[in-house]
Every structure is written in structure tokens, then in C-alpha cells.
Amino acid sequence: MAEHIKRVFAAKKAEGEPAFVTFVTAGYPRPEDTVPNMLALEAGGADIIELGVPFSDPTADGPTIQAANTYVREARAQGLKAPVMLMGQSSPPEEKPM
């Protein structure tokens, strides 16, 4: 995926234009809105879409990340061409008293 993003930035640089990088949170406001939101961002001129993965569980974020990947697959099936980056977060482990 990094190559797709590099190509977008190189093409925009060659055009003398900035890249339009957008952000949307997966599942907001409802899970079924994610794919239409991604398609609308691209239709509105987004060159790259950053898809935020909601942090649901500090120890096991697996199902949330899997759902975000499903959104990307579904958006691709509906014609999305823009590169998509998944943005997640992690929490450092709690420190234990000595």
C-alpha cells in the first residue's frame, strides 16, 4: 500500500498540487455509513483516505480492525480507487507497582 500512497504524492507533486488526504472514522455515525462515506470522500476529491479504527478494547481490538478491513473491501467492490490507510491506536501496558 505504501507504493500506492507514494504514487499519489508523486503525481500531485508533478502537477504542482497538494494531495488531499481525508479522514473518516469507521462505523461513524453508523457502521453501514462507512462505505458510502468513503465513496463520497473520493467523489469529493480525496486523493487518499485515512480510515480511523475505533478503539474498543484495550486488550483485544481484533474484531474492530477486522470490520475496518471489511469496509475497505466493500468500498473497493463499489469502485473506490483512492489508497486507504488504516489508523489505529494502542495503549501502553499499565505499570505495575514495585
N, C-alpha and C. Protein backbone atom coordinates (compact mmCIF):
# COMPACT_ATOMS: atom_id res chain seq x y z
N MET A 1 0.83 -1.19 0.00
CA MET A 1 0.00 0.00 0.00
C MET A 1 0.87 1.25 0.00
N ALA A 2 2.03 1.20 0.61
CA ALA A 2 2.89 2.39 0.66
C ALA A 2 3.23 2.87 -0.74
N GLU A 3 3.36 1.95 -1.70
CA GLU A 3 3.67 2.34 -3.08
C GLU A 3 2.53 3.13 -3.69
N HIS A 4 1.28 2.75 -3.40
CA HIS A 4 0.12 3.50 -3.91
C HIS A 4 0.15 4.93 -3.38
N ILE A 5 0.45 5.07 -2.11
CA ILE A 5 0.48 6.39 -1.49
C ILE A 5 1.62 7.22 -2.07
N LYS A 6 2.79 6.60 -2.26
CA LYS A 6 3.92 7.31 -2.86
C LYS A 6 3.57 7.79 -4.26
N ARG A 7 2.87 6.94 -5.03
CA ARG A 7 2.49 7.34 -6.39
C ARG A 7 1.54 8.54 -6.38
N VAL A 8 0.60 8.54 -5.44
CA VAL A 8 -0.32 9.68 -5.34
C VAL A 8 0.46 10.96 -5.06
N PHE A 9 1.36 10.95 -4.09
CA PHE A 9 2.13 12.14 -3.76
C PHE A 9 3.03 12.56 -4.92
N ALA A 10 3.64 11.60 -5.61
CA ALA A 10 4.49 11.94 -6.75
C ALA A 10 3.68 12.57 -7.88
N ALA A 11 2.49 12.02 -8.14
CA ALA A 11 1.64 12.57 -9.20
C ALA A 11 1.19 13.99 -8.85
N LYS A 12 0.80 14.20 -7.61
CA LYS A 12 0.35 15.53 -7.20
C LYS A 12 1.51 16.53 -7.25
N LYS A 13 2.70 16.09 -6.87
CA LYS A 13 3.87 16.96 -6.93
C LYS A 13 4.16 17.35 -8.38
N ALA A 14 4.07 16.38 -9.28
CA ALA A 14 4.30 16.66 -10.71
C ALA A 14 3.27 17.65 -11.26
N GLU A 15 2.06 17.62 -10.71
CA GLU A 15 1.01 18.55 -11.12
C GLU A 15 1.14 19.91 -10.43
N GLY A 16 2.05 19.98 -9.45
CA GLY A 16 2.19 21.22 -8.68
C GLY A 16 1.04 21.45 -7.73
N GLU A 17 0.39 20.38 -7.33
CA GLU A 17 -0.78 20.45 -6.45
C GLU A 17 -0.52 19.67 -5.16
N PRO A 18 -1.16 20.09 -4.07
CA PRO A 18 -1.06 19.30 -2.83
C PRO A 18 -2.01 18.10 -2.91
N ALA A 19 -1.68 17.05 -2.19
CA ALA A 19 -2.57 15.90 -2.09
C ALA A 19 -3.66 16.22 -1.07
N PHE A 20 -4.86 15.80 -1.37
CA PHE A 20 -5.99 16.00 -0.46
C PHE A 20 -6.18 14.70 0.31
N VAL A 21 -5.71 14.67 1.55
CA VAL A 21 -5.79 13.49 2.41
C VAL A 21 -6.92 13.71 3.41
N THR A 22 -7.89 12.80 3.42
CA THR A 22 -9.06 12.95 4.28
C THR A 22 -9.05 11.90 5.38
N PHE A 23 -9.92 12.10 6.36
CA PHE A 23 -10.05 11.16 7.48
C PHE A 23 -11.51 10.94 7.77
N VAL A 24 -11.86 9.69 8.03
CA VAL A 24 -13.21 9.34 8.48
C VAL A 24 -13.06 8.19 9.47
N THR A 25 -13.88 8.19 10.50
CA THR A 25 -13.85 7.11 11.47
C THR A 25 -14.75 5.97 11.00
N ALA A 26 -14.23 4.77 10.97
CA ALA A 26 -15.02 3.60 10.59
C ALA A 26 -16.18 3.44 11.56
N GLY A 27 -17.36 3.23 11.00
CA GLY A 27 -18.52 2.97 11.84
C GLY A 27 -19.26 4.20 12.32
N TYR A 28 -18.81 5.42 11.88
CA TYR A 28 -19.46 6.63 12.36
C TYR A 28 -20.27 7.26 11.24
N PRO A 29 -21.47 7.70 11.45
CA PRO A 29 -22.20 7.59 12.70
C PRO A 29 -22.79 6.20 12.92
N ARG A 30 -22.89 5.41 11.83
CA ARG A 30 -23.37 4.03 11.94
C ARG A 30 -22.47 3.16 11.06
N PRO A 31 -22.29 1.89 11.40
CA PRO A 31 -21.43 1.04 10.59
C PRO A 31 -21.79 1.03 9.10
N GLU A 32 -23.07 1.06 8.79
CA GLU A 32 -23.48 1.00 7.38
C GLU A 32 -23.19 2.30 6.62
N ASP A 33 -22.77 3.34 7.32
CA ASP A 33 -22.43 4.61 6.67
C ASP A 33 -20.98 4.68 6.22
N THR A 34 -20.15 3.75 6.66
CA THR A 34 -18.72 3.83 6.40
C THR A 34 -18.40 3.80 4.91
N VAL A 35 -18.89 2.81 4.20
CA VAL A 35 -18.56 2.69 2.77
C VAL A 35 -19.11 3.87 1.98
N PRO A 36 -20.39 4.26 2.16
CA PRO A 36 -20.86 5.44 1.44
C PRO A 36 -20.04 6.70 1.77
N ASN A 37 -19.59 6.84 3.01
CA ASN A 37 -18.76 7.99 3.38
C ASN A 37 -17.43 7.96 2.63
N MET A 38 -16.81 6.79 2.54
CA MET A 38 -15.54 6.67 1.83
C MET A 38 -15.71 7.01 0.35
N LEU A 39 -16.77 6.49 -0.26
CA LEU A 39 -17.03 6.77 -1.67
C LEU A 39 -17.32 8.26 -1.89
N ALA A 40 -18.02 8.88 -0.95
CA ALA A 40 -18.31 10.31 -1.06
C ALA A 40 -17.04 11.15 -0.93
N LEU A 41 -16.13 10.74 -0.05
CA LEU A 41 -14.87 11.46 0.09
C LEU A 41 -14.10 11.42 -1.22
N GLU A 42 -14.03 10.25 -1.83
CA GLU A 42 -13.32 10.14 -3.11
C GLU A 42 -14.01 10.96 -4.19
N ALA A 43 -15.34 10.87 -4.26
CA ALA A 43 -16.09 11.65 -5.25
C ALA A 43 -15.89 13.15 -5.04
N GLY A 44 -15.65 13.54 -3.80
CA GLY A 44 -15.43 14.95 -3.48
C GLY A 44 -14.00 15.41 -3.70
N GLY A 45 -13.13 14.52 -4.16
CA GLY A 45 -11.77 14.91 -4.49
C GLY A 45 -10.68 14.35 -3.62
N ALA A 46 -11.00 13.48 -2.67
CA ALA A 46 -9.95 12.91 -1.81
C ALA A 46 -8.97 12.09 -2.64
N ASP A 47 -7.69 12.34 -2.43
CA ASP A 47 -6.65 11.56 -3.09
C ASP A 47 -6.27 10.34 -2.26
N ILE A 48 -6.34 10.48 -0.94
CA ILE A 48 -6.01 9.41 0.00
C ILE A 48 -7.03 9.48 1.12
N ILE A 49 -7.47 8.32 1.59
CA ILE A 49 -8.43 8.27 2.70
C ILE A 49 -7.79 7.55 3.88
N GLU A 50 -7.82 8.21 5.02
CA GLU A 50 -7.37 7.58 6.26
C GLU A 50 -8.63 7.12 6.98
N LEU A 51 -8.70 5.82 7.26
CA LEU A 51 -9.86 5.23 7.91
C LEU A 51 -9.51 4.94 9.36
N GLY A 52 -10.12 5.68 10.26
CA GLY A 52 -9.85 5.51 11.68
C GLY A 52 -10.55 4.29 12.23
N VAL A 53 -9.81 3.48 12.95
CA VAL A 53 -10.36 2.27 13.55
C VAL A 53 -10.66 2.58 15.01
N PRO A 54 -11.93 2.58 15.39
CA PRO A 54 -12.27 2.90 16.77
C PRO A 54 -11.61 1.95 17.76
N PHE A 55 -11.18 2.50 18.86
CA PHE A 55 -10.54 1.70 19.90
C PHE A 55 -11.64 1.17 20.81
N SER A 56 -11.84 -0.13 20.76
CA SER A 56 -12.97 -0.70 21.50
C SER A 56 -12.57 -1.47 22.75
N ASP A 57 -11.36 -1.99 22.77
CA ASP A 57 -10.97 -2.86 23.88
C ASP A 57 -9.46 -2.79 24.01
N PRO A 58 -8.96 -2.39 25.16
CA PRO A 58 -7.52 -2.23 25.30
C PRO A 58 -6.72 -3.53 25.20
N THR A 59 -7.37 -4.68 25.28
CA THR A 59 -6.60 -5.92 25.21
C THR A 59 -6.87 -6.73 23.95
N ALA A 60 -7.97 -6.50 23.28
CA ALA A 60 -8.29 -7.32 22.10
C ALA A 60 -9.10 -6.50 21.10
N ASP A 61 -8.39 -5.79 20.24
CA ASP A 61 -9.05 -4.92 19.27
C ASP A 61 -9.35 -5.65 17.96
N GLY A 62 -9.15 -6.94 17.91
CA GLY A 62 -9.27 -7.73 16.69
C GLY A 62 -10.54 -7.54 15.89
N PRO A 63 -11.74 -7.74 16.45
CA PRO A 63 -12.96 -7.61 15.66
C PRO A 63 -13.16 -6.23 15.05
N THR A 64 -12.76 -5.19 15.75
CA THR A 64 -12.91 -3.84 15.22
C THR A 64 -12.02 -3.64 14.00
N ILE A 65 -10.77 -4.07 14.09
CA ILE A 65 -9.86 -3.95 12.96
C ILE A 65 -10.35 -4.81 11.80
N GLN A 66 -10.84 -6.01 12.07
CA GLN A 66 -11.38 -6.86 11.00
C GLN A 66 -12.54 -6.17 10.30
N ALA A 67 -13.41 -5.50 11.04
CA ALA A 67 -14.54 -4.80 10.43
C ALA A 67 -14.04 -3.68 9.53
N ALA A 68 -13.00 -2.97 9.95
CA ALA A 68 -12.45 -1.89 9.12
C ALA A 68 -11.93 -2.45 7.81
N ASN A 69 -11.28 -3.60 7.83
CA ASN A 69 -10.81 -4.22 6.60
C ASN A 69 -11.98 -4.60 5.70
N THR A 70 -13.08 -5.02 6.29
CA THR A 70 -14.27 -5.36 5.51
C THR A 70 -14.81 -4.11 4.82
N TYR A 71 -14.79 -2.97 5.51
CA TYR A 71 -15.25 -1.73 4.89
C TYR A 71 -14.43 -1.41 3.65
N VAL A 72 -13.13 -1.57 3.74
CA VAL A 72 -12.27 -1.27 2.60
C VAL A 72 -12.57 -2.22 1.45
N ARG A 73 -12.70 -3.49 1.74
CA ARG A 73 -13.01 -4.47 0.68
C ARG A 73 -14.34 -4.13 0.01
N GLU A 74 -15.35 -3.79 0.80
CA GLU A 74 -16.66 -3.45 0.24
C GLU A 74 -16.58 -2.17 -0.58
N ALA A 75 -15.85 -1.17 -0.09
CA ALA A 75 -15.70 0.08 -0.84
C ALA A 75 -14.98 -0.17 -2.16
N ARG A 76 -13.97 -1.02 -2.16
CA ARG A 76 -13.26 -1.37 -3.40
C ARG A 76 -14.23 -2.04 -4.39
N ALA A 77 -15.06 -2.93 -3.88
CA ALA A 77 -16.03 -3.62 -4.74
C ALA A 77 -17.02 -2.64 -5.37
N GLN A 78 -17.22 -1.51 -4.68
CA GLN A 78 -18.14 -0.49 -5.20
C GLN A 78 -17.42 0.58 -6.01
N GLY A 79 -16.13 0.38 -6.27
CA GLY A 79 -15.41 1.27 -7.17
C GLY A 79 -14.40 2.21 -6.55
N LEU A 80 -14.16 2.16 -5.26
CA LEU A 80 -13.19 3.05 -4.62
C LEU A 80 -11.80 2.77 -5.19
N LYS A 81 -11.12 3.82 -5.63
CA LYS A 81 -9.77 3.69 -6.19
C LYS A 81 -8.71 4.31 -5.30
N ALA A 82 -9.07 5.29 -4.47
CA ALA A 82 -8.10 6.00 -3.64
C ALA A 82 -7.42 5.06 -2.65
N PRO A 83 -6.11 5.27 -2.40
CA PRO A 83 -5.45 4.49 -1.37
C PRO A 83 -6.11 4.74 -0.01
N VAL A 84 -6.15 3.71 0.82
CA VAL A 84 -6.74 3.81 2.15
C VAL A 84 -5.70 3.40 3.18
N MET A 85 -5.52 4.22 4.19
CA MET A 85 -4.63 3.90 5.31
C MET A 85 -5.51 3.64 6.51
N LEU A 86 -5.22 2.59 7.25
CA LEU A 86 -5.96 2.32 8.48
C LEU A 86 -5.20 2.98 9.63
N MET A 87 -5.92 3.77 10.43
CA MET A 87 -5.34 4.44 11.58
C MET A 87 -5.89 3.77 12.83
N GLY A 88 -5.00 3.30 13.64
CA GLY A 88 -5.42 2.69 14.90
C GLY A 88 -4.69 3.34 16.06
N GLN A 89 -4.84 2.77 17.19
CA GLN A 89 -4.13 3.28 18.36
C GLN A 89 -3.84 2.12 19.29
N SER A 90 -2.92 2.34 20.17
CA SER A 90 -2.63 1.32 21.17
C SER A 90 -2.40 2.02 22.50
N SER A 91 -2.60 1.29 23.54
CA SER A 91 -2.37 1.81 24.88
C SER A 91 -1.16 1.10 25.47
N PRO A 92 -0.27 1.85 26.07
CA PRO A 92 0.87 1.19 26.70
C PRO A 92 0.39 0.33 27.87
N PRO A 93 1.09 -0.75 28.13
CA PRO A 93 0.69 -1.60 29.27
C PRO A 93 0.76 -0.80 30.56
N GLU A 94 -0.11 -1.15 31.47
CA GLU A 94 -0.08 -0.48 32.78
C GLU A 94 1.17 -0.86 33.53
N GLU A 95 1.72 0.11 34.19
CA GLU A 95 2.89 -0.16 35.02
C GLU A 95 2.44 -0.80 36.32
N LYS A 96 3.19 -1.80 36.74
CA LYS A 96 2.88 -2.49 38.00
C LYS A 96 3.76 -1.90 39.10
N PRO A 97 3.16 -1.67 40.27
CA PRO A 97 3.97 -1.14 41.38
C PRO A 97 5.06 -2.12 41.75
N MET A 98 6.17 -1.59 42.19
CA MET A 98 7.30 -2.44 42.57
C MET A 98 7.11 -2.98 43.96
